[in-house]
Amino acid sequence: MYIESKLIEVNETLFSRDLSGNKDLGIIKDEINIQSYSWLQAKGKIQFSKGLFIVETFIENKKNLTDIFSISGEYIQISYLGKGDSQLVSSKEKTPLGMGRINCCYNCDTVNTIEMPANKPTHYQAVYLSKEYYLELLKNEVWVGDNSFYNHIIKGNFQKWGACNFPIDYSLYHILNEITKNDWNTDFKKYYLELRLKELFLSLHFCQEELCNGVVKGISEENLEKIRTAHAYLIENFKNPPTIKVLARKVLLNELQLKKDFKMMYGKTIRSFIIDLRMKKAKSLLGKHTVSEMAGILGYKSVPHFINTFKKCYGYTPKQGLNQ
């Protein structure tokens, strides 16, 4: 498997790696950093091994930008656009990548053109696996026989980009962040990474099952998709969440319907959901930041308000939590 990303307007290669070598050299890291243009900044991190490539990129462009993304060999792709308005361009049409959505595909020898419009910052995370790596990774997992995506791969039935996609949930968001950031102990990095990759594919399997179970009682199929999109958007933006009015406009639902269907589907109000996300993140920050820093990271303007919210959620203050 060979993978390359090239930015046309500046003739810059974000990354170019051959992952088909005979030796497994473990997990290798490299940084992406393009800041030599007044209108463009691109930074991020790649991690790779034989048959495996992981990337997270942040791009800010004040002019339109085109990425030519090439992959050779049979590959499995799991990708997530957290921010941005990128489009996949073909000879026939332009297809939005879909912010807040997980996309899965199985394909071979592709060259994709991706357009990123000006003044729309992009955050993109993706995992690419060769077919051999994917099958070896999951060969002993008991659930794969019931997974339609896995069975397509076993049979060699390509699943092009967009054939399998759904709004991200918190579990997938958390796992994908752990995989792309990957700050584990060096000695056990590959072991932990492969555990997380298995967890990612199992979570995707559960998401597929949920979608196959049909429409949630009392919510129309059209609204169900919009509520899932709102849910995914909040997961990505809970530190600086939109108002109900702004969120309703983004998913094309009126405010009352959005609030009603969201609570029916997830069992809590939008406000409660945002607080839950903030508190889960707060717990992961304990010991790494001061209480004041934690409040700022999570979007709280008042430190006492943050402390009170944390205590209501966990029964102890952030400071007391360091001793738990």
Protein backbone atom coordinates (compact mmCIF):
# COMPACT_ATOMS: atom_id res chain seq x y z
CA MET A 1 0.00 0.00 0.00
CA TYR A 2 1.31 3.42 -1.03
CA ILE A 3 -0.35 6.65 0.14
CA GLU A 4 0.22 10.28 -0.85
CA SER A 5 -1.44 13.66 -0.25
CA LYS A 6 -0.42 16.63 -2.38
CA LEU A 7 -1.68 20.23 -2.20
CA ILE A 8 -1.91 21.44 -5.79
CA GLU A 9 -1.98 25.23 -5.37
CA VAL A 10 1.33 25.28 -3.46
CA ASN A 11 2.87 22.12 -4.96
CA GLU A 12 3.48 20.77 -1.44
CA THR A 13 3.31 17.12 -0.40
CA LEU A 14 1.66 16.67 3.00
CA PHE A 15 2.86 13.06 3.17
CA SER A 16 4.05 10.27 0.91
CA ARG A 17 4.69 6.80 2.31
CA ASP A 18 5.21 3.28 0.95
CA LEU A 19 3.73 0.84 3.49
CA SER A 20 4.32 -2.36 1.57
CA GLY A 21 7.84 -3.18 2.79
CA ASN A 22 8.88 -6.64 3.95
CA LYS A 23 9.92 -5.53 7.45
CA ASP A 24 7.64 -4.34 10.22
CA LEU A 25 9.52 -1.45 11.85
CA GLY A 26 6.91 -0.78 14.54
CA ILE A 27 4.96 2.46 14.75
CA ILE A 28 6.80 5.44 13.25
CA LYS A 29 5.66 9.02 13.88
CA ASP A 30 6.14 12.12 11.77
CA GLU A 31 4.87 15.69 11.97
CA ILE A 32 3.07 17.70 9.28
CA ASN A 33 3.95 21.39 9.32
CA ILE A 34 3.45 23.80 6.39
CA GLN A 35 3.54 27.46 7.49
CA SER A 36 5.59 29.18 4.78
CA TYR A 37 2.57 30.79 3.07
CA SER A 38 0.67 33.86 4.26
CA TRP A 39 -2.67 32.27 3.35
CA LEU A 40 -2.07 28.65 4.36
CA GLN A 41 -1.18 26.72 7.51
CA ALA A 42 -1.24 22.93 7.63
CA LYS A 43 -0.15 20.91 10.63
CA GLY A 44 -0.78 17.50 12.06
CA LYS A 45 0.68 14.09 12.70
CA ILE A 46 1.04 10.84 10.83
CA GLN A 47 1.77 7.39 12.26
CA PHE A 48 2.55 4.39 10.12
CA SER A 49 3.72 0.83 10.04
CA LYS A 50 3.64 -1.95 7.47
CA GLY A 51 0.09 -1.92 6.06
CA LEU A 52 -1.16 0.80 8.44
CA PHE A 53 -1.37 4.59 8.10
CA ILE A 54 -2.97 7.01 10.59
CA VAL A 55 -3.30 10.75 10.02
CA GLU A 56 -4.72 13.79 11.76
CA THR A 57 -4.50 17.17 10.02
CA PHE A 58 -5.54 20.74 10.76
CA ILE A 59 -5.65 23.10 7.76
CA GLU A 60 -6.42 26.83 7.66
CA ASN A 61 -6.58 28.26 4.15
CA LYS A 62 -7.64 31.76 3.10
CA LYS A 63 -7.79 30.66 -0.55
CA ASN A 64 -9.42 27.62 -2.16
CA LEU A 65 -7.21 24.55 -1.77
CA THR A 66 -7.10 21.25 -3.68
CA ASP A 67 -5.72 17.99 -2.29
CA ILE A 68 -4.89 15.11 -4.65
CA PHE A 69 -5.10 12.01 -2.45
CA SER A 70 -3.65 8.80 -3.94
CA ILE A 71 -3.68 5.25 -2.57
CA SER A 72 -2.38 2.14 -4.34
CA GLY A 73 -3.32 -1.42 -3.49
CA GLU A 74 -6.44 -2.70 -1.72
CA TYR A 75 -7.19 -0.68 1.39
CA ILE A 76 -9.75 -0.07 4.12
CA GLN A 77 -10.42 3.56 5.10
CA ILE A 78 -12.07 4.91 8.24
CA SER A 79 -12.25 8.71 8.07
CA TYR A 80 -13.83 11.55 10.00
CA LEU A 81 -14.22 15.21 9.08
CA GLY A 82 -14.55 17.08 12.38
CA LYS A 83 -14.49 20.58 10.90
CA GLY A 84 -14.62 21.97 7.39
CA ASP A 85 -16.67 21.96 4.22
CA SER A 86 -14.53 19.73 1.98
CA GLN A 87 -15.91 18.08 -1.14
CA LEU A 88 -14.90 14.99 -3.07
CA VAL A 89 -14.74 15.91 -6.75
CA SER A 90 -15.39 13.49 -9.61
CA SER A 91 -15.95 13.99 -13.33
CA LYS A 92 -19.71 13.94 -12.72
CA GLU A 93 -20.30 15.74 -9.42
CA LYS A 94 -19.04 17.15 -6.14
CA THR A 95 -19.90 15.19 -3.00
CA PRO A 96 -19.63 16.81 0.46
CA LEU A 97 -17.40 14.77 2.79
CA GLY A 98 -19.95 15.31 5.54
CA MET A 99 -18.77 17.07 8.70
CA GLY A 100 -19.36 15.05 11.87
CA ARG A 101 -19.69 11.75 10.04
CA ILE A 102 -17.64 8.55 10.03
CA ASN A 103 -17.06 7.17 6.54
CA CYS A 104 -15.91 3.61 5.88
CA CYS A 105 -14.79 2.31 2.52
CA TYR A 106 -12.97 -0.62 0.92
CA ASN A 107 -11.35 0.16 -2.40
CA CYS A 108 -8.28 -0.26 -4.59
CA ASP A 109 -5.89 2.02 -6.50
CA THR A 110 -7.72 5.34 -6.16
CA VAL A 111 -6.84 8.95 -6.90
CA ASN A 112 -9.27 11.38 -5.27
CA THR A 113 -9.55 15.14 -5.70
CA ILE A 114 -10.65 16.95 -2.54
CA GLU A 115 -11.55 20.63 -2.61
CA MET A 116 -11.32 22.74 0.56
CA PRO A 117 -13.02 26.15 0.21
CA ALA A 118 -11.38 29.31 1.51
CA ASN A 119 -11.86 30.41 5.13
CA LYS A 120 -13.29 27.05 6.25
CA PRO A 121 -10.75 25.51 8.68
CA THR A 122 -10.45 21.74 8.28
CA HIS A 123 -9.89 19.05 10.92
CA TYR A 124 -9.54 15.57 9.46
CA GLN A 125 -8.74 12.18 11.03
CA ALA A 126 -8.34 8.92 9.15
CA VAL A 127 -7.08 5.35 9.47
CA TYR A 128 -5.96 3.39 6.40
CA LEU A 129 -5.20 -0.34 6.51
CA SER A 130 -4.07 -2.71 3.79
CA LYS A 131 -6.47 -5.60 3.24
CA GLU A 132 -3.87 -8.01 4.63
CA TYR A 133 -3.39 -5.95 7.82
CA TYR A 134 -7.16 -5.61 8.33
CA LEU A 135 -7.86 -9.34 7.95
CA GLU A 136 -4.96 -10.30 10.21
CA LEU A 137 -6.09 -7.78 12.85
CA LEU A 138 -9.66 -9.10 13.03
CA LYS A 139 -9.21 -12.80 12.20
CA ASN A 140 -9.94 -14.00 15.76
CA GLU A 141 -12.78 -11.57 16.59
CA VAL A 142 -16.00 -13.51 17.18
CA TRP A 143 -18.33 -10.78 15.88
CA VAL A 144 -16.85 -10.27 12.40
CA GLY A 145 -18.86 -13.06 10.78
CA ASP A 146 -22.01 -11.00 11.34
CA ASN A 147 -20.50 -7.77 10.04
CA SER A 148 -21.62 -6.85 6.52
CA PHE A 149 -18.62 -4.57 5.88
CA TYR A 150 -16.17 -7.36 6.82
CA ASN A 151 -18.01 -9.85 4.62
CA HIS A 152 -17.81 -7.50 1.62
CA ILE A 153 -14.04 -7.32 2.15
CA ILE A 154 -13.71 -11.12 2.44
CA LYS A 155 -15.59 -11.49 -0.86
CA GLY A 156 -13.64 -8.71 -2.57
CA ASN A 157 -16.75 -6.56 -3.10
CA PHE A 158 -15.49 -2.98 -3.10
CA GLN A 159 -17.43 -0.49 -0.98
CA LYS A 160 -16.72 2.94 -2.40
CA TRP A 161 -16.47 6.06 -0.30
CA GLY A 162 -19.90 7.06 1.03
CA ALA A 163 -21.42 3.57 0.82
CA CYS A 164 -21.09 3.15 4.60
CA ASN A 165 -21.33 6.27 6.74
CA PHE A 166 -23.09 7.56 9.86
CA PRO A 167 -22.85 10.42 12.37
CA ILE A 168 -20.14 9.91 14.97
CA ASP A 169 -21.04 9.12 18.58
CA TYR A 170 -19.02 9.83 21.72
CA SER A 171 -17.53 6.34 21.90
CA LEU A 172 -16.22 6.52 18.33
CA TYR A 173 -15.03 10.10 18.86
CA HIS A 174 -13.05 9.08 21.95
CA ILE A 175 -11.51 5.98 20.35
CA LEU A 176 -10.55 7.82 17.16
CA ASN A 177 -8.89 10.58 19.18
CA GLU A 178 -6.90 8.01 21.17
CA ILE A 179 -5.77 6.32 17.96
CA THR A 180 -4.74 9.50 16.13
CA LYS A 181 -3.06 11.17 19.14
CA ASN A 182 -1.46 7.93 20.44
CA ASP A 183 0.72 9.04 23.37
CA TRP A 184 1.13 5.59 24.92
CA ASN A 185 4.28 4.06 26.35
CA THR A 186 6.70 3.38 23.48
CA ASP A 187 7.40 -0.23 24.46
CA PHE A 188 3.73 -1.25 24.17
CA LYS A 189 2.56 1.23 21.55
CA LYS A 190 1.72 -1.26 18.82
CA TYR A 191 -0.07 -3.57 21.26
CA TYR A 192 -2.27 -0.76 22.61
CA LEU A 193 -2.85 0.66 19.14
CA GLU A 194 -4.11 -2.66 17.79
CA LEU A 195 -6.41 -3.05 20.80
CA ARG A 196 -7.86 0.38 20.03
CA LEU A 197 -8.22 -0.48 16.33
CA LYS A 198 -10.19 -3.62 17.26
CA GLU A 199 -12.33 -1.50 19.59
CA LEU A 200 -12.91 0.98 16.76
CA PHE A 201 -14.13 -1.71 14.36
CA LEU A 202 -16.33 -3.28 17.04
CA SER A 203 -17.91 0.12 17.77
CA LEU A 204 -18.49 0.62 14.05
CA HIS A 205 -20.18 -2.79 13.99
CA PHE A 206 -22.54 -1.71 16.79
CA CYS A 207 -23.32 1.51 14.89
CA GLN A 208 -24.18 -0.49 11.78
CA GLU A 209 -26.46 -2.74 13.83
CA GLU A 210 -28.21 0.29 15.30
CA LEU A 211 -28.84 1.72 11.83
CA CYS A 212 -30.22 -1.62 10.66
CA ASN A 213 -32.68 -1.72 13.56
CA GLY A 214 -34.79 0.92 11.84
CA VAL A 215 -36.39 4.16 12.90
CA VAL A 216 -36.62 5.05 16.59
CA LYS A 217 -40.27 4.95 17.67
CA GLY A 218 -41.89 8.34 17.35
CA ILE A 219 -39.18 9.93 15.18
CA SER A 220 -39.47 10.06 11.41
CA GLU A 221 -36.63 8.62 9.33
CA GLU A 222 -35.81 12.09 7.95
CA ASN A 223 -35.68 13.65 11.43
CA LEU A 224 -33.70 10.72 12.82
CA GLU A 225 -30.83 11.50 10.48
CA LYS A 226 -30.95 15.19 11.44
CA ILE A 227 -30.93 14.37 15.17
CA ARG A 228 -27.92 12.09 14.71
CA THR A 229 -26.17 14.89 12.81
CA ALA A 230 -26.93 17.34 15.65
CA HIS A 231 -25.59 14.79 18.14
CA ALA A 232 -22.37 14.41 16.13
CA TYR A 233 -21.96 18.18 15.83
CA LEU A 234 -22.26 18.64 19.61
CA ILE A 235 -19.64 15.95 20.23
CA GLU A 236 -17.16 17.89 18.09
CA ASN A 237 -18.09 21.32 19.47
CA PHE A 238 -19.07 20.76 23.12
CA LYS A 239 -16.30 23.07 24.40
CA ASN A 240 -17.89 25.96 22.51
CA PRO A 241 -21.41 24.70 21.78
CA PRO A 242 -23.86 26.46 19.44
CA THR A 243 -27.14 27.88 20.67
CA ILE A 244 -30.25 25.79 20.05
CA LYS A 245 -31.23 28.26 17.32
CA VAL A 246 -27.88 27.87 15.50
CA LEU A 247 -27.91 24.08 15.87
CA ALA A 248 -31.49 23.91 14.55
CA ARG A 249 -30.46 25.88 11.47
CA LYS A 250 -27.47 23.60 10.85
CA VAL A 251 -29.62 20.45 10.79
CA LEU A 252 -32.67 22.09 9.18
CA LEU A 253 -35.12 21.42 12.01
CA ASN A 254 -37.23 23.85 14.00
CA GLU A 255 -36.06 24.37 17.57
CA LEU A 256 -38.99 22.67 19.31
CA GLN A 257 -38.73 19.56 17.12
CA LEU A 258 -34.97 19.41 17.64
CA LYS A 259 -35.28 19.56 21.44
CA LYS A 260 -38.16 17.08 21.54
CA ASP A 261 -36.64 14.47 19.23
CA PHE A 262 -33.14 14.81 20.74
CA LYS A 263 -34.47 14.04 24.22
CA MET A 264 -36.61 11.18 22.89
CA MET A 265 -33.63 9.60 21.16
CA TYR A 266 -30.86 10.14 23.72
CA GLY A 267 -32.84 10.37 26.96
CA LYS A 268 -31.52 13.78 27.94
CA THR A 269 -31.79 17.41 26.92
CA ILE A 270 -29.23 19.04 24.66
CA ARG A 271 -27.96 21.11 27.60
CA SER A 272 -27.54 18.00 29.78
CA PHE A 273 -25.74 16.22 26.95
CA ILE A 274 -23.25 19.09 26.60
CA ILE A 275 -22.61 19.09 30.35
CA ASP A 276 -22.04 15.31 30.28
CA LEU A 277 -19.49 15.66 27.48
CA ARG A 278 -17.68 18.46 29.32
CA MET A 279 -17.55 16.48 32.55
CA LYS A 280 -16.23 13.34 30.84
CA LYS A 281 -13.49 15.44 29.30
CA ALA A 282 -12.86 17.19 32.64
CA LYS A 283 -12.21 13.85 34.35
CA SER A 284 -9.61 12.98 31.71
CA LEU A 285 -7.82 16.31 32.38
CA LEU A 286 -7.38 15.75 36.13
CA GLY A 287 -3.72 15.92 37.11
CA LYS A 288 -2.70 17.32 33.72
CA HIS A 289 -3.96 20.88 34.20
CA THR A 290 -4.88 23.29 36.97
CA VAL A 291 -8.56 23.73 37.79
CA SER A 292 -8.50 27.15 36.15
CA GLU A 293 -6.90 25.73 33.00
CA MET A 294 -9.48 22.92 32.89
CA ALA A 295 -12.32 25.43 33.09
CA GLY A 296 -10.83 27.41 30.19
CA ILE A 297 -10.24 24.32 28.05
CA LEU A 298 -13.86 23.24 28.52
CA GLY A 299 -15.31 26.65 27.69
CA TYR A 300 -16.34 27.75 31.20
CA LYS A 301 -15.93 31.50 31.79
CA SER A 302 -16.48 31.06 35.53
CA VAL A 303 -14.15 28.74 37.46
CA PRO A 304 -16.57 28.44 40.44
CA HIS A 305 -19.33 27.45 38.01
CA PHE A 306 -17.09 24.75 36.57
CA ILE A 307 -16.19 23.46 40.06
CA ASN A 308 -19.86 23.35 41.13
CA THR A 309 -20.87 21.52 37.95
CA PHE A 310 -18.07 19.00 38.40
CA LYS A 311 -19.07 18.38 42.03
CA LYS A 312 -22.75 17.88 41.08
CA CYS A 313 -21.68 15.30 38.50
CA TYR A 314 -19.11 13.33 40.53
CA GLY A 315 -19.78 14.20 44.18
CA TYR A 316 -16.36 15.76 44.72
CA THR A 317 -14.43 18.79 43.44
CA PRO A 318 -11.71 18.57 40.78
CA LYS A 319 -9.09 19.17 43.47
CA GLN A 320 -10.50 16.34 45.60
CA GLY A 321 -10.62 14.17 42.50
CA LEU A 322 -6.82 14.11 42.32
CA ASN A 323 -6.85 11.93 45.46
CA GLN A 324 -9.59 9.55 44.29
